[in-house]
Amino acid sequence: MTPENERKIQEKLQEIAKILYEEADKEELTSLAGIETTVRRQTLEHVTPQLGAFFWQKRQEQQPVEKEQSRV
């Protein structure tokens, strides 16, 4: 990954972290285990599905191109 893309990811992650923190149950954030559980749950509920959907959409967009290339 390029340093520029790494920087962009870090910036966006800070923004996402702030939002997820605001939405977190603060009572769960009193221990390292509680923080880990909260981050894991929020990631699985909100972040990972969006990443998967994005990758799937990009894959679907590539398939017509791949089918055309295989005909040549």
Protein backbone atom coordinates (compact mmCIF):
# COMPACT_ATOMS: atom_id res chain seq x y z
CA MET A 1 0.00 0.00 0.00
CA THR A 2 1.27 3.42 -0.81
CA PRO A 3 2.04 5.83 2.04
CA GLU A 4 -0.63 8.17 0.67
CA ASN A 5 -3.31 5.48 0.80
CA GLU A 6 -2.18 4.45 4.27
CA ARG A 7 -2.55 8.07 5.40
CA LYS A 8 -6.05 8.26 3.88
CA ILE A 9 -7.09 5.08 5.66
CA GLN A 10 -5.80 6.37 8.99
CA GLU A 11 -7.71 9.65 8.56
CA LYS A 12 -10.96 7.87 7.71
CA LEU A 13 -10.50 5.37 10.53
CA GLN A 14 -10.14 8.21 13.02
CA GLU A 15 -13.44 9.65 11.80
CA ILE A 16 -15.14 6.25 11.98
CA ALA A 17 -13.68 5.57 15.43
CA LYS A 18 -15.13 8.84 16.75
CA ILE A 19 -18.59 7.91 15.48
CA LEU A 20 -18.43 4.37 16.84
CA TYR A 21 -17.20 5.67 20.19
CA GLU A 22 -20.13 8.07 20.39
CA GLU A 23 -22.50 5.16 19.73
CA ALA A 24 -20.81 2.74 22.15
CA ASP A 25 -22.25 1.81 25.52
CA LYS A 26 -19.80 3.61 27.80
CA GLU A 27 -20.37 1.06 30.57
CA GLU A 28 -18.79 -1.57 28.30
CA LEU A 29 -15.66 0.55 27.85
CA THR A 30 -14.37 0.21 31.41
CA SER A 31 -11.93 -2.63 30.69
CA LEU A 32 -9.69 -3.77 27.88
CA ALA A 33 -11.91 -6.82 27.35
CA GLY A 34 -15.01 -4.61 27.16
CA ILE A 35 -13.33 -2.30 24.66
CA GLU A 36 -12.25 -5.25 22.54
CA THR A 37 -15.74 -6.76 22.60
CA THR A 38 -17.35 -3.44 21.70
CA VAL A 39 -14.92 -2.75 18.84
CA ARG A 40 -15.33 -6.28 17.50
CA ARG A 41 -19.14 -6.10 17.66
CA GLN A 42 -19.32 -2.67 16.05
CA THR A 43 -16.88 -3.70 13.33
CA LEU A 44 -18.87 -6.82 12.52
CA GLU A 45 -22.17 -4.93 12.56
CA HIS A 46 -21.24 -1.75 10.73
CA VAL A 47 -17.86 -1.85 9.01
CA THR A 48 -17.29 -5.34 7.65
CA PRO A 49 -20.66 -5.64 5.85
CA GLN A 50 -20.02 -2.36 4.04
CA LEU A 51 -16.55 -3.48 2.98
CA GLY A 52 -17.93 -6.78 1.76
CA ALA A 53 -20.72 -5.09 -0.18
CA PHE A 54 -18.25 -2.70 -1.80
CA PHE A 55 -15.90 -5.53 -2.83
CA TRP A 56 -18.85 -7.57 -4.14
CA GLN A 57 -20.11 -4.64 -6.20
CA LYS A 58 -16.66 -4.10 -7.69
CA ARG A 59 -16.47 -7.82 -8.50
CA GLN A 60 -19.84 -7.67 -10.25
CA GLU A 61 -18.66 -4.67 -12.27
CA GLN A 62 -15.55 -6.61 -13.35
CA GLN A 63 -17.38 -9.75 -14.48
CA PRO A 64 -18.72 -8.35 -17.77
CA VAL A 65 -15.20 -7.19 -18.63
CA GLU A 66 -13.77 -10.61 -17.81
CA LYS A 67 -16.43 -12.38 -19.91
CA GLU A 68 -15.66 -10.15 -22.90
CA GLN A 69 -11.93 -10.77 -22.54
CA SER A 70 -12.42 -14.53 -22.41
CA ARG A 71 -14.29 -14.43 -25.77
CA VAL A 72 -11.32 -12.82 -27.53
